[in-house]
Amino acid sequence: MRFISLQGNEIATVFDDLAQLRISVFKEFPYLYEGSLEYEMEYLRTYSESDRAFLFGVYDEDKMVGATTCIPLSDETAELKTTFEQKGFDISKIFYFGESILLPTYRGMGLGHRFFDEREKHVLSFHTYTTTCFCSVIRTDNHSLKLNGYRSNDAFWIKRGYQKNPELTTEMDWLDIGEAESTSKPMVFWTKNW
């Protein structure tokens, strides 16, 4: 496997690979995302426009098999910033963790921990951020597309020192698999203070 670290506008050099990986992994429960390259390119542009945005990627030969990103919350979209602003947080002190995605074959090899290590190291290198955060989608326990044996990442995130904050929520729109129109999904934030 080969590892890459990119920052700011360098991230645009792997947009195609990252978009394909996101579409593939986020089809799985709980995201159930019916992705499109058009949506992906619009979403990813935010990262290439932020000087402090960071991507850590994993390749098996020429194929991206895993990736993780982070970006200052102040450079993120309104739907992510507003929740913290309305609760009185100083968003200039918060770094947002985007996706942390791996193809199924590459899971269980410690890369999930490596993803958090790389992002946290990047954030701490600036010596100005006091909080890291990410959000996860909220799905019902009895969702019809939830597979038997599904296990959430909650225990892993708690082990990494993150705390779920039910008072910090937002909504994001995307097209679910098998649906004709995008719908809003409730999202809850997890945070870690440094």
Protein backbone atom coordinates (compact mmCIF):
# COMPACT_ATOMS: atom_id res chain seq x y z
CA MET A 1 0.00 0.00 0.00
CA ARG A 2 1.04 3.57 -0.66
CA PHE A 3 0.13 6.58 1.51
CA ILE A 4 -0.28 10.20 0.45
CA SER A 5 -0.73 13.43 2.39
CA LEU A 6 -2.09 16.48 0.58
CA GLN A 7 -3.02 19.96 1.74
CA GLY A 8 -5.14 22.77 0.31
CA ASN A 9 -5.36 22.93 -3.48
CA GLU A 10 -3.20 19.78 -3.78
CA ILE A 11 -6.33 17.81 -2.80
CA ALA A 12 -7.89 18.63 -6.18
CA THR A 13 -5.33 16.32 -7.81
CA VAL A 14 -7.16 13.27 -6.38
CA PHE A 15 -10.77 14.48 -6.66
CA ASP A 16 -11.69 11.77 -9.17
CA ASP A 17 -10.28 8.99 -6.99
CA LEU A 18 -11.82 10.41 -3.82
CA ALA A 19 -15.23 10.93 -5.43
CA GLN A 20 -15.36 7.32 -6.64
CA LEU A 21 -14.31 6.03 -3.22
CA ARG A 22 -16.90 8.18 -1.42
CA ILE A 23 -19.68 6.98 -3.74
CA SER A 24 -18.67 3.35 -3.21
CA VAL A 25 -18.32 3.40 0.59
CA PHE A 26 -21.24 5.71 1.36
CA LYS A 27 -23.68 3.38 -0.43
CA GLU A 28 -23.43 1.24 2.69
CA PHE A 29 -25.70 1.66 5.71
CA PRO A 30 -26.08 4.04 7.48
CA TYR A 31 -25.42 6.59 4.71
CA LEU A 32 -27.18 4.78 1.82
CA TYR A 33 -25.90 7.47 -0.52
CA GLU A 34 -26.80 7.29 -4.21
CA GLY A 35 -23.81 9.34 -5.25
CA SER A 36 -23.14 11.36 -8.36
CA LEU A 37 -19.86 12.77 -9.64
CA GLU A 38 -21.50 16.17 -10.08
CA TYR A 39 -22.47 16.35 -6.40
CA GLU A 40 -19.05 15.05 -5.36
CA MET A 41 -17.09 17.65 -7.30
CA GLU A 42 -19.17 20.46 -5.82
CA TYR A 43 -18.74 19.08 -2.30
CA LEU A 44 -15.00 18.46 -2.62
CA ARG A 45 -14.24 21.93 -3.99
CA THR A 46 -14.58 23.28 -0.42
CA TYR A 47 -11.46 21.33 0.55
CA SER A 48 -9.30 22.53 -2.32
CA GLU A 49 -10.23 26.15 -1.50
CA SER A 50 -9.01 25.92 2.11
CA ASP A 51 -5.25 26.32 2.66
CA ARG A 52 -5.37 24.26 5.86
CA ALA A 53 -7.56 21.43 4.56
CA PHE A 54 -5.85 18.04 4.67
CA LEU A 55 -6.27 14.66 3.01
CA PHE A 56 -4.56 11.42 3.92
CA GLY A 57 -5.09 8.70 1.31
CA VAL A 58 -4.29 5.02 0.90
CA TYR A 59 -3.62 3.42 -2.47
CA ASP A 60 -3.26 -0.21 -3.44
CA GLU A 61 -1.21 0.15 -6.61
CA ASP A 62 -3.15 2.81 -8.59
CA LYS A 63 -6.49 2.45 -6.79
CA MET A 64 -7.50 4.67 -3.85
CA VAL A 65 -8.84 2.25 -1.24
CA GLY A 66 -9.10 4.60 1.73
CA ALA A 67 -9.06 8.29 2.56
CA THR A 68 -9.75 10.76 5.29
CA THR A 69 -10.04 14.55 5.29
CA CYS A 70 -10.24 17.50 7.65
CA ILE A 71 -10.74 21.24 7.31
CA PRO A 72 -11.07 24.27 9.60
CA LEU A 73 -14.74 24.53 10.54
CA SER A 74 -14.61 28.21 9.54
CA ASP A 75 -13.96 27.08 5.94
CA GLU A 76 -16.84 24.58 5.89
CA THR A 77 -20.38 25.02 4.59
CA ALA A 78 -23.05 26.94 6.49
CA GLU A 79 -24.94 23.77 7.43
CA LEU A 80 -21.94 22.67 9.49
CA LYS A 81 -20.85 26.04 10.90
CA THR A 82 -24.27 27.33 11.93
CA THR A 83 -24.88 24.68 14.59
CA PHE A 84 -21.76 25.73 16.50
CA GLU A 85 -22.25 29.46 15.93
CA GLN A 86 -25.80 29.30 17.31
CA LYS A 87 -24.49 27.59 20.46
CA GLY A 88 -21.88 30.31 21.00
CA PHE A 89 -18.75 28.39 19.95
CA ASP A 90 -15.75 30.20 18.47
CA ILE A 91 -15.56 28.30 15.18
CA SER A 92 -12.08 29.68 14.49
CA LYS A 93 -10.87 27.24 17.18
CA ILE A 94 -12.57 24.14 15.73
CA PHE A 95 -11.36 21.72 13.06
CA TYR A 96 -13.92 19.57 11.24
CA PHE A 97 -13.16 15.97 10.29
CA GLY A 98 -14.80 14.97 7.02
CA GLU A 99 -14.96 11.44 5.71
CA SER A 100 -12.98 8.50 7.01
CA ILE A 101 -13.61 5.78 4.44
CA LEU A 102 -12.13 2.40 3.56
CA LEU A 103 -13.18 -0.27 1.12
CA PRO A 104 -14.37 -3.37 3.05
CA THR A 105 -11.34 -5.52 2.15
CA TYR A 106 -8.98 -3.06 3.88
CA ARG A 107 -10.85 -2.77 7.18
CA GLY A 108 -9.51 -4.25 10.40
CA MET A 109 -5.90 -3.41 9.55
CA GLY A 110 -5.53 -0.39 11.85
CA LEU A 111 -6.11 2.20 9.14
CA GLY A 112 -9.06 3.74 10.99
CA HIS A 113 -6.73 4.63 13.86
CA ARG A 114 -4.10 5.85 11.40
CA PHE A 115 -6.71 8.16 9.85
CA PHE A 116 -7.45 9.78 13.22
CA ASP A 117 -3.74 9.97 14.07
CA GLU A 118 -2.90 11.75 10.80
CA ARG A 119 -5.76 14.24 11.07
CA GLU A 120 -5.13 15.02 14.72
CA LYS A 121 -1.40 15.50 14.05
CA HIS A 122 -2.27 17.93 11.25
CA VAL A 123 -4.65 19.93 13.45
CA LEU A 124 -2.26 20.10 16.40
CA SER A 125 0.56 21.33 14.15
CA PHE A 126 -1.13 24.75 14.01
CA HIS A 127 -1.21 25.22 17.82
CA THR A 128 -4.43 27.27 17.52
CA TYR A 129 -7.31 24.78 17.57
CA THR A 130 -8.95 23.59 20.78
CA THR A 131 -11.60 21.22 19.41
CA THR A 132 -11.96 18.62 16.67
CA CYS A 133 -15.35 17.41 15.55
CA PHE A 134 -17.21 15.34 13.00
CA CYS A 135 -20.82 14.37 12.44
CA SER A 136 -22.61 11.10 11.78
CA VAL A 137 -26.01 10.37 10.30
CA ILE A 138 -28.85 9.31 12.58
CA ARG A 139 -30.85 6.33 11.27
CA THR A 140 -33.60 4.41 13.03
CA ASP A 141 -32.64 1.08 14.60
CA ASN A 142 -35.32 -0.68 12.56
CA HIS A 143 -34.37 0.84 9.19
CA SER A 144 -35.32 -1.53 6.38
CA LEU A 145 -31.83 -1.39 4.78
CA LYS A 146 -29.90 -2.03 7.99
CA LEU A 147 -28.06 -5.33 7.58
CA ASN A 148 -28.01 -7.99 10.28
CA GLY A 149 -24.76 -7.74 12.16
CA TYR A 150 -24.31 -4.03 11.46
CA ARG A 151 -22.10 -2.44 14.10
CA SER A 152 -21.87 1.31 14.50
CA ASN A 153 -18.55 3.10 14.96
CA ASP A 154 -19.64 4.65 18.28
CA ALA A 155 -17.39 2.45 20.45
CA PHE A 156 -14.39 3.18 18.22
CA TRP A 157 -15.03 6.93 18.34
CA ILE A 158 -15.41 6.87 22.13
CA LYS A 159 -12.13 4.94 22.39
CA ARG A 160 -10.51 7.72 20.36
CA GLY A 161 -11.69 10.26 22.97
CA TYR A 162 -14.72 11.66 21.11
CA GLN A 163 -18.03 12.40 22.78
CA LYS A 164 -21.45 12.43 21.12
CA ASN A 165 -23.25 15.76 21.61
CA PRO A 166 -27.02 15.28 21.11
CA GLU A 167 -27.49 19.04 21.54
CA LEU A 168 -25.30 19.67 18.47
CA THR A 169 -27.20 18.54 15.38
CA THR A 170 -27.66 19.59 11.80
CA GLU A 171 -29.24 18.26 8.63
CA MET A 172 -27.70 17.36 5.30
CA ASP A 173 -29.42 16.55 2.03
CA TRP A 174 -28.53 13.69 -0.27
CA LEU A 175 -30.22 11.13 -2.47
CA ASP A 176 -30.76 7.77 -0.79
CA ILE A 177 -30.40 4.54 -2.74
CA GLY A 178 -33.67 3.78 -4.53
CA GLU A 179 -35.16 7.23 -3.94
CA ALA A 180 -36.17 9.74 -6.60
CA GLU A 181 -35.45 12.95 -4.64
CA SER A 182 -32.92 14.12 -2.08
CA THR A 183 -34.13 14.32 1.50
CA SER A 184 -32.74 15.89 4.67
CA LYS A 185 -30.95 13.57 7.08
CA PRO A 186 -30.43 14.37 10.78
CA MET A 187 -26.75 14.46 11.77
CA VAL A 188 -25.23 14.53 15.25
CA PHE A 189 -21.81 15.97 16.11
CA TRP A 190 -19.03 14.28 18.03
CA THR A 191 -16.31 16.43 19.61
CA LYS A 192 -12.95 16.17 21.34
CA ASN A 193 -11.30 18.99 23.24
CA TRP A 194 -7.54 19.46 23.23
